[in-house]
Amino acid sequence: MNRKKQKGRIWGDVTVRYGSETLRVEEILWRLDENVLESPLPFKITGRCTVEGTGFVAKPSLGWVKVKKLKKVVLQ
C-alpha cells in the first residue's frame, strides 16, 4: 500500500465481494483516491450473472465494470 500515491496492490488468490457479486483474480490494483479496482489479468465475476475475461477496470460503488477482453457472459 502506497498511501502517498494513493495506490494499493493485492496479489495471490484475490476474492472481492460486493453485494451479491464475487470477483476472483490473481492480482488487483486499487486506486484509493477514486476507489477503483483494476487488473490486466484473467478474471471471473459470479453472482447475478457470470462474466469471464482478461483485464478490467471497476468502480464497485457505482456498479460498473469495463472489460478489456471479454471471454464469456452467462445471464441467469
N, C-alpha and C. Protein backbone atom coordinates (compact mmCIF):
# COMPACT_ATOMS: atom_id res chain seq x y z
N MET A 1 0.84 -1.17 0.00
CA MET A 1 0.00 0.00 0.00
C MET A 1 0.90 1.24 0.00
N ASN A 2 0.69 2.10 -0.96
CA ASN A 2 1.45 3.35 -1.04
C ASN A 2 0.48 4.50 -0.78
N ARG A 3 0.41 4.94 0.46
CA ARG A 3 -0.56 5.98 0.84
C ARG A 3 -0.25 7.32 0.16
N LYS A 4 1.02 7.59 -0.08
CA LYS A 4 1.39 8.85 -0.73
C LYS A 4 0.85 8.91 -2.15
N LYS A 5 0.96 7.80 -2.88
CA LYS A 5 0.45 7.74 -4.26
C LYS A 5 -1.02 7.31 -4.31
N GLN A 6 -1.60 6.96 -3.15
CA GLN A 6 -3.00 6.53 -3.05
C GLN A 6 -3.27 5.29 -3.91
N LYS A 7 -2.33 4.32 -3.86
CA LYS A 7 -2.47 3.08 -4.63
C LYS A 7 -2.12 1.89 -3.76
N GLY A 8 -2.82 0.79 -4.00
CA GLY A 8 -2.54 -0.45 -3.31
C GLY A 8 -2.46 -1.59 -4.31
N ARG A 9 -1.75 -2.64 -3.95
CA ARG A 9 -1.60 -3.82 -4.81
C ARG A 9 -1.84 -5.05 -3.95
N ILE A 10 -2.75 -5.90 -4.40
CA ILE A 10 -3.06 -7.14 -3.69
C ILE A 10 -2.84 -8.28 -4.67
N TRP A 11 -2.13 -9.33 -4.26
CA TRP A 11 -1.87 -10.43 -5.18
C TRP A 11 -2.05 -11.76 -4.45
N GLY A 12 -2.08 -12.82 -5.23
CA GLY A 12 -2.35 -14.16 -4.72
C GLY A 12 -3.72 -14.58 -5.24
N ASP A 13 -4.43 -15.32 -4.48
CA ASP A 13 -5.79 -15.73 -4.84
C ASP A 13 -6.74 -14.66 -4.29
N VAL A 14 -6.99 -13.60 -5.07
CA VAL A 14 -7.75 -12.45 -4.60
C VAL A 14 -9.24 -12.67 -4.85
N THR A 15 -10.05 -12.47 -3.82
CA THR A 15 -11.50 -12.53 -3.92
C THR A 15 -12.07 -11.23 -3.37
N VAL A 16 -12.91 -10.58 -4.18
CA VAL A 16 -13.55 -9.34 -3.77
C VAL A 16 -15.05 -9.57 -3.84
N ARG A 17 -15.76 -9.26 -2.76
CA ARG A 17 -17.22 -9.40 -2.74
C ARG A 17 -17.85 -8.03 -2.59
N TYR A 18 -18.89 -7.79 -3.41
CA TYR A 18 -19.65 -6.54 -3.33
C TYR A 18 -21.11 -6.89 -3.60
N GLY A 19 -21.93 -6.79 -2.58
CA GLY A 19 -23.32 -7.20 -2.72
C GLY A 19 -23.39 -8.68 -3.03
N SER A 20 -24.09 -9.05 -4.09
CA SER A 20 -24.21 -10.45 -4.48
C SER A 20 -23.15 -10.89 -5.50
N GLU A 21 -22.22 -10.01 -5.83
CA GLU A 21 -21.20 -10.30 -6.84
C GLU A 21 -19.88 -10.70 -6.18
N THR A 22 -19.17 -11.65 -6.80
CA THR A 22 -17.86 -12.07 -6.33
C THR A 22 -16.89 -12.02 -7.50
N LEU A 23 -15.78 -11.34 -7.31
CA LEU A 23 -14.73 -11.22 -8.31
C LEU A 23 -13.54 -12.04 -7.85
N ARG A 24 -12.97 -12.84 -8.76
CA ARG A 24 -11.77 -13.62 -8.47
C ARG A 24 -10.72 -13.30 -9.53
N VAL A 25 -9.50 -13.01 -9.05
CA VAL A 25 -8.39 -12.64 -9.93
C VAL A 25 -7.09 -12.89 -9.16
N GLU A 26 -5.97 -13.03 -9.85
CA GLU A 26 -4.68 -13.29 -9.20
C GLU A 26 -4.00 -12.03 -8.66
N GLU A 27 -4.28 -10.88 -9.25
CA GLU A 27 -3.68 -9.63 -8.77
C GLU A 27 -4.62 -8.48 -9.08
N ILE A 28 -4.70 -7.54 -8.15
CA ILE A 28 -5.58 -6.39 -8.34
C ILE A 28 -4.88 -5.13 -7.85
N LEU A 29 -5.08 -4.06 -8.58
CA LEU A 29 -4.56 -2.75 -8.19
C LEU A 29 -5.75 -1.92 -7.71
N TRP A 30 -5.56 -1.20 -6.61
CA TRP A 30 -6.65 -0.43 -6.02
C TRP A 30 -6.21 1.02 -5.95
N ARG A 31 -6.90 1.87 -6.71
CA ARG A 31 -6.64 3.32 -6.67
C ARG A 31 -7.53 3.90 -5.58
N LEU A 32 -6.95 4.16 -4.42
CA LEU A 32 -7.70 4.59 -3.25
C LEU A 32 -8.43 5.91 -3.44
N ASP A 33 -7.78 6.87 -4.10
CA ASP A 33 -8.38 8.19 -4.26
C ASP A 33 -9.68 8.17 -5.06
N GLU A 34 -9.81 7.22 -6.01
CA GLU A 34 -11.01 7.11 -6.84
C GLU A 34 -11.85 5.89 -6.46
N ASN A 35 -11.35 5.05 -5.56
CA ASN A 35 -11.98 3.79 -5.19
C ASN A 35 -12.25 2.93 -6.43
N VAL A 36 -11.21 2.76 -7.24
CA VAL A 36 -11.27 2.00 -8.49
C VAL A 36 -10.36 0.78 -8.37
N LEU A 37 -10.86 -0.38 -8.82
CA LEU A 37 -10.08 -1.62 -8.88
C LEU A 37 -9.74 -1.91 -10.33
N GLU A 38 -8.54 -2.43 -10.57
CA GLU A 38 -8.18 -2.78 -11.95
C GLU A 38 -7.16 -3.91 -11.97
N SER A 39 -7.15 -4.64 -13.09
CA SER A 39 -6.19 -5.71 -13.28
C SER A 39 -6.08 -6.02 -14.78
N PRO A 40 -4.87 -6.34 -15.26
CA PRO A 40 -4.70 -6.74 -16.65
C PRO A 40 -4.85 -8.26 -16.83
N LEU A 41 -5.09 -8.98 -15.74
CA LEU A 41 -5.08 -10.45 -15.75
C LEU A 41 -6.46 -11.07 -15.99
N PRO A 42 -6.50 -12.38 -16.30
CA PRO A 42 -7.78 -13.08 -16.42
C PRO A 42 -8.56 -13.01 -15.09
N PHE A 43 -9.89 -12.90 -15.20
CA PHE A 43 -10.74 -12.76 -14.02
C PHE A 43 -12.07 -13.48 -14.25
N LYS A 44 -12.81 -13.65 -13.16
CA LYS A 44 -14.15 -14.22 -13.23
C LYS A 44 -15.03 -13.51 -12.20
N ILE A 45 -16.20 -13.06 -12.63
CA ILE A 45 -17.19 -12.46 -11.74
C ILE A 45 -18.39 -13.38 -11.72
N THR A 46 -18.88 -13.72 -10.52
CA THR A 46 -20.07 -14.56 -10.39
C THR A 46 -21.07 -13.84 -9.48
N GLY A 47 -22.33 -14.19 -9.64
CA GLY A 47 -23.40 -13.58 -8.86
C GLY A 47 -24.67 -13.63 -9.68
N ARG A 48 -25.26 -12.46 -9.93
CA ARG A 48 -26.48 -12.41 -10.75
C ARG A 48 -26.21 -12.88 -12.17
N CYS A 49 -24.95 -12.78 -12.60
CA CYS A 49 -24.52 -13.30 -13.90
C CYS A 49 -23.08 -13.75 -13.75
N THR A 50 -22.56 -14.42 -14.76
CA THR A 50 -21.15 -14.84 -14.76
C THR A 50 -20.45 -14.13 -15.90
N VAL A 51 -19.33 -13.51 -15.60
CA VAL A 51 -18.53 -12.81 -16.61
C VAL A 51 -17.09 -13.28 -16.48
N GLU A 52 -16.50 -13.69 -17.61
CA GLU A 52 -15.10 -14.08 -17.64
C GLU A 52 -14.40 -13.26 -18.71
N GLY A 53 -13.17 -12.88 -18.44
CA GLY A 53 -12.42 -12.11 -19.41
C GLY A 53 -11.00 -11.88 -18.94
N THR A 54 -10.33 -10.99 -19.65
CA THR A 54 -8.96 -10.62 -19.31
C THR A 54 -8.88 -9.10 -19.27
N GLY A 55 -8.46 -8.58 -18.13
CA GLY A 55 -8.30 -7.15 -17.94
C GLY A 55 -9.62 -6.45 -17.67
N PHE A 56 -9.63 -5.61 -16.64
CA PHE A 56 -10.83 -4.85 -16.31
C PHE A 56 -10.48 -3.63 -15.48
N VAL A 57 -11.42 -2.70 -15.45
CA VAL A 57 -11.41 -1.56 -14.54
C VAL A 57 -12.80 -1.53 -13.94
N ALA A 58 -12.91 -1.40 -12.60
CA ALA A 58 -14.22 -1.45 -11.94
C ALA A 58 -14.34 -0.37 -10.87
N LYS A 59 -15.54 0.15 -10.75
CA LYS A 59 -15.86 1.08 -9.66
C LYS A 59 -17.08 0.50 -8.96
N PRO A 60 -16.86 -0.34 -7.94
CA PRO A 60 -17.96 -1.03 -7.26
C PRO A 60 -19.02 -0.10 -6.70
N SER A 61 -18.64 1.05 -6.18
CA SER A 61 -19.61 1.96 -5.57
C SER A 61 -20.62 2.49 -6.59
N LEU A 62 -20.25 2.50 -7.87
CA LEU A 62 -21.18 2.93 -8.92
C LEU A 62 -21.76 1.75 -9.69
N GLY A 63 -21.26 0.54 -9.40
CA GLY A 63 -21.80 -0.67 -10.02
C GLY A 63 -21.40 -0.88 -11.47
N TRP A 64 -20.22 -0.43 -11.89
CA TRP A 64 -19.81 -0.67 -13.26
C TRP A 64 -18.45 -1.35 -13.36
N VAL A 65 -18.32 -2.10 -14.46
CA VAL A 65 -17.06 -2.78 -14.78
C VAL A 65 -16.82 -2.61 -16.27
N LYS A 66 -15.63 -2.20 -16.66
CA LYS A 66 -15.23 -2.13 -18.07
C LYS A 66 -14.26 -3.27 -18.31
N VAL A 67 -14.61 -4.15 -19.22
CA VAL A 67 -13.80 -5.33 -19.53
C VAL A 67 -12.98 -5.07 -20.78
N LYS A 68 -11.68 -5.39 -20.73
CA LYS A 68 -10.81 -5.18 -21.89
C LYS A 68 -10.98 -6.28 -22.94
N LYS A 69 -11.01 -7.55 -22.52
CA LYS A 69 -11.20 -8.65 -23.46
C LYS A 69 -12.20 -9.63 -22.86
N LEU A 70 -13.41 -9.63 -23.39
CA LEU A 70 -14.49 -10.46 -22.88
C LEU A 70 -14.38 -11.86 -23.44
N LYS A 71 -14.47 -12.87 -22.55
CA LYS A 71 -14.40 -14.26 -22.96
C LYS A 71 -15.78 -14.91 -22.93
N LYS A 72 -16.56 -14.66 -21.84
CA LYS A 72 -17.82 -15.35 -21.68
C LYS A 72 -18.74 -14.57 -20.75
N VAL A 73 -20.04 -14.54 -21.10
CA VAL A 73 -21.07 -13.95 -20.24
C VAL A 73 -22.24 -14.91 -20.18
N VAL A 74 -22.71 -15.20 -18.97
CA VAL A 74 -23.88 -16.05 -18.80
C VAL A 74 -24.87 -15.28 -17.93
N LEU A 75 -26.04 -14.97 -18.49
CA LEU A 75 -27.08 -14.28 -17.73
C LEU A 75 -27.99 -15.31 -17.11
N GLN A 76 -28.35 -15.10 -15.84
CA GLN A 76 -29.16 -16.09 -15.14
C GLN A 76 -30.52 -15.52 -14.82
